[in-house]
C-alpha atoms as a PDB file:
ATOM      1  CA  MET A   1       0.000   0.000   0.000  1.00  0.00           C
ATOM      2  CA  GLY A   2       1.269   3.447  -0.887  1.00  0.00           C
ATOM      3  CA  GLU A   3       2.048   6.204   1.577  1.00  0.00           C
ATOM      4  CA  HIS A   4      -0.874   8.291   0.256  1.00  0.00           C
ATOM      5  CA  GLU A   5      -3.471   5.612   0.989  1.00  0.00           C
ATOM      6  CA  VAL A   6      -5.273   4.954   4.265  1.00  0.00           C
ATOM      7  CA  VAL A   7      -6.509   1.621   5.557  1.00  0.00           C
ATOM      8  CA  VAL A   8     -10.276   1.870   5.890  1.00  0.00           C
ATOM      9  CA  THR A   9     -11.965  -0.308   8.510  1.00  0.00           C
ATOM     10  CA  ALA A  10     -15.418  -0.632  10.027  1.00  0.00           C
ATOM     11  CA  GLN A  11     -14.055   1.338  12.982  1.00  0.00           C
ATOM     12  CA  ASN A  12     -12.782   4.357  11.027  1.00  0.00           C
ATOM     13  CA  PHE A  13     -15.119   4.327   7.990  1.00  0.00           C
ATOM     14  CA  GLU A  14     -17.332   7.140   9.222  1.00  0.00           C
ATOM     15  CA  GLN A  15     -14.390   9.386  10.143  1.00  0.00           C
ATOM     16  CA  GLU A  16     -12.110   8.622   7.167  1.00  0.00           C
ATOM     17  CA  VAL A  17     -14.774   8.377   4.453  1.00  0.00           C
ATOM     18  CA  LEU A  18     -18.177   9.787   5.341  1.00  0.00           C
ATOM     19  CA  LYS A  19     -16.893  12.828   7.260  1.00  0.00           C
ATOM     20  CA  SER A  20     -13.894  13.539   5.029  1.00  0.00           C
ATOM     21  CA  GLU A  21     -13.430  17.102   3.768  1.00  0.00           C
ATOM     22  CA  LYS A  22     -12.043  15.731   0.499  1.00  0.00           C
ATOM     23  CA  PRO A  23     -13.688  13.223  -1.820  1.00  0.00           C
ATOM     24  CA  VAL A  24     -12.609   9.681  -0.892  1.00  0.00           C
ATOM     25  CA  LEU A  25     -11.967   6.874  -3.356  1.00  0.00           C
ATOM     26  CA  VAL A  26     -12.450   3.589  -1.495  1.00  0.00           C
ATOM     27  CA  ASP A  27     -10.815   0.540  -3.059  1.00  0.00           C
ATOM     28  CA  PHE A  28     -12.727  -2.597  -2.014  1.00  0.00           C
ATOM     29  CA  TRP A  29     -10.187  -5.421  -2.445  1.00  0.00           C
ATOM     30  CA  ALA A  30      -8.935  -8.741  -1.074  1.00  0.00           C
ATOM     31  CA  GLU A  31      -5.580 -10.492  -0.804  1.00  0.00           C
ATOM     32  CA  TRP A  32      -6.619 -13.375  -3.099  1.00  0.00           C
ATOM     33  CA  CYS A  33      -7.997 -11.142  -5.884  1.00  0.00           C
ATOM     34  CA  GLY A  34      -5.747 -11.054  -8.978  1.00  0.00           C
ATOM     35  CA  PRO A  35      -7.426  -8.063 -10.671  1.00  0.00           C
ATOM     36  CA  CYS A  36      -7.190  -6.166  -7.350  1.00  0.00           C
ATOM     37  CA  LYS A  37      -3.418  -6.679  -7.370  1.00  0.00           C
ATOM     38  CA  ALA A  38      -3.235  -5.495 -10.987  1.00  0.00           C
ATOM     39  CA  LEU A  39      -5.192  -2.355 -10.071  1.00  0.00           C
ATOM     40  CA  GLU A  40      -3.099  -1.623  -6.964  1.00  0.00           C
ATOM     41  CA  PRO A  41      -0.232   0.329  -8.624  1.00  0.00           C
ATOM     42  CA  ILE A  42      -2.719   2.426 -10.629  1.00  0.00           C
ATOM     43  CA  VAL A  43      -4.695   3.313  -7.509  1.00  0.00           C
ATOM     44  CA  ALA A  44      -1.460   4.121  -5.640  1.00  0.00           C
ATOM     45  CA  GLN A  45      -0.341   6.406  -8.477  1.00  0.00           C
ATOM     46  CA  ILE A  46      -3.688   8.240  -8.507  1.00  0.00           C
ATOM     47  CA  ALA A  47      -3.484   8.593  -4.711  1.00  0.00           C
ATOM     48  CA  ARG A  48      -0.027  10.144  -5.040  1.00  0.00           C
ATOM     49  CA  GLU A  49      -0.791  12.456  -7.964  1.00  0.00           C
ATOM     50  CA  TYR A  50      -4.115  13.745  -6.619  1.00  0.00           C
ATOM     51  CA  ALA A  51      -3.262  13.755  -2.898  1.00  0.00           C
ATOM     52  CA  GLN A  52      -4.206  17.424  -2.512  1.00  0.00           C
ATOM     53  CA  VAL A  53      -7.777  16.952  -3.748  1.00  0.00           C
ATOM     54  CA  LEU A  54      -8.505  13.249  -3.161  1.00  0.00           C
ATOM     55  CA  LYS A  55      -8.149  10.779  -0.308  1.00  0.00           C
ATOM     56  CA  VAL A  56      -7.720   7.118  -1.240  1.00  0.00           C
ATOM     57  CA  GLY A  57      -8.707   4.357   1.146  1.00  0.00           C
ATOM     58  CA  LYS A  58      -8.159   0.597   0.916  1.00  0.00           C
ATOM     59  CA  LEU A  59     -10.871  -1.608   2.379  1.00  0.00           C
ATOM     60  CA  ASN A  60     -10.207  -5.342   2.677  1.00  0.00           C
ATOM     61  CA  VAL A  61     -13.570  -7.062   2.125  1.00  0.00           C
ATOM     62  CA  ASP A  62     -12.428 -10.202   3.951  1.00  0.00           C
ATOM     63  CA  ASP A  63     -11.748  -8.143   7.082  1.00  0.00           C
ATOM     64  CA  HIS A  64     -14.889  -5.998   6.764  1.00  0.00           C
ATOM     65  CA  PRO A  65     -17.612  -7.931   4.886  1.00  0.00           C
ATOM     66  CA  GLU A  66     -20.321  -5.856   6.566  1.00  0.00           C
ATOM     67  CA  LEU A  67     -19.143  -2.712   4.759  1.00  0.00           C
ATOM     68  CA  ALA A  68     -19.000  -4.524   1.418  1.00  0.00           C
ATOM     69  CA  MET A  69     -22.566  -5.708   2.028  1.00  0.00           C
ATOM     70  CA  ARG A  70     -23.770  -2.279   3.148  1.00  0.00           C
ATOM     71  CA  TYR A  71     -22.569  -0.747  -0.119  1.00  0.00           C
ATOM     72  CA  GLY A  72     -23.696  -3.639  -2.316  1.00  0.00           C
ATOM     73  CA  VAL A  73     -20.208  -4.629  -3.423  1.00  0.00           C
ATOM     74  CA  MET A  74     -20.784  -7.918  -5.245  1.00  0.00           C
ATOM     75  CA  GLY A  75     -17.451  -8.318  -7.010  1.00  0.00           C
ATOM     76  CA  ILE A  76     -13.979  -6.942  -6.509  1.00  0.00           C
ATOM     77  CA  PRO A  77     -12.148  -4.830  -7.289  1.00  0.00           C
ATOM     78  CA  THR A  78     -14.807  -2.187  -6.815  1.00  0.00           C
ATOM     79  CA  LEU A  79     -13.879   1.463  -6.385  1.00  0.00           C
ATOM     80  CA  ILE A  80     -16.486   3.767  -4.868  1.00  0.00           C
ATOM     81  CA  LEU A  81     -15.974   7.525  -4.834  1.00  0.00           C
ATOM     82  CA  PHE A  82     -17.615   9.226  -1.871  1.00  0.00           C
ATOM     83  CA  LYS A  83     -18.125  12.972  -1.762  1.00  0.00           C
ATOM     84  CA  GLU A  84     -19.636  14.663   1.302  1.00  0.00           C
ATOM     85  CA  GLY A  85     -20.576  11.229   2.636  1.00  0.00           C
ATOM     86  CA  ARG A  86     -22.457  10.111  -0.485  1.00  0.00           C
ATOM     87  CA  GLU A  87     -21.517   7.742  -3.287  1.00  0.00           C
ATOM     88  CA  VAL A  88     -20.976   9.734  -6.498  1.00  0.00           C
ATOM     89  CA  ALA A  89     -19.233   7.145  -8.688  1.00  0.00           C
ATOM     90  CA  ARG A  90     -18.718   3.383  -8.760  1.00  0.00           C
ATOM     91  CA  ILE A  91     -16.122   1.584 -10.861  1.00  0.00           C
ATOM     92  CA  ILE A  92     -16.314  -2.207 -10.993  1.00  0.00           C
ATOM     93  CA  GLY A  93     -13.488  -4.448 -12.156  1.00  0.00           C
ATOM     94  CA  TYR A  94     -10.033  -3.680 -13.461  1.00  0.00           C
ATOM     95  CA  GLN A  95      -9.922  -0.482 -15.539  1.00  0.00           C
ATOM     96  CA  PRO A  96      -6.995   1.261 -17.201  1.00  0.00           C
ATOM     97  CA  ARG A  97      -5.780   4.454 -15.517  1.00  0.00           C
ATOM     98  CA  GLU A  98      -7.296   6.846 -18.064  1.00  0.00           C
ATOM     99  CA  ARG A  99     -10.739   5.257 -17.766  1.00  0.00           C
ATOM    100  CA  LEU A 100     -10.567   5.490 -13.970  1.00  0.00           C
ATOM    101  CA  LEU A 101      -9.581   9.146 -14.110  1.00  0.00           C
ATOM    102  CA  ARG A 102     -12.410   9.962 -16.556  1.00  0.00           C
ATOM    103  CA  GLN A 103     -14.879   8.761 -13.920  1.00  0.00           C
ATOM    104  CA  ILE A 104     -13.141  10.328 -10.907  1.00  0.00           C
ATOM    105  CA  LEU A 105     -11.864  13.725 -12.074  1.00  0.00           C
ATOM    106  CA  PRO A 106     -15.253  15.378 -12.716  1.00  0.00           C
ATOM    107  CA  HIS A 107     -15.940  15.066  -8.969  1.00  0.00           C
ATOM    108  CA  LEU A 108     -12.683  16.707  -7.852  1.00  0.00           C
ATOM    109  CA  GLN A 109     -12.353  20.441  -7.298  1.00  0.00           C
ATOM    110  CA  PRO A 110     -10.220  22.238  -8.145  1.00  0.00           C
ATOM    111  CA  GLN A 111      -8.611  20.316 -10.989  1.00  0.00           C
ATOM    112  CA  PRO A 112      -4.936  19.614 -10.225  1.00  0.00           C
ATOM    113  CA  GLN A 113      -2.331  20.995 -12.591  1.00  0.00           C
ATOM    114  CA  ARG A 114      -0.688  18.419 -14.827  1.00  0.00           C
END
């Protein structure tokens, strides 16, 4: 896990995600999930590049199945973008970086400089 990502748990979900000042991209993943591992470096890179306007959290569904159930996560990887405590985007399955950003960036303000 990258230095710009936080571990999200049932205990800190409300504080880290729902009450966050910044939008939060939560990566629902598991140790045994191949596509999750393939997505990991992309998510870490996005977390690093957009750290000023986006928080990225990693939620292990094996450790916290109740949160996966609460948000209707049926398959992993699933990325859910929360803004002001509400889901604003959901990305299911492995996606290339550009496709992820196309779904995330419209929800981030202000746009970071490239």
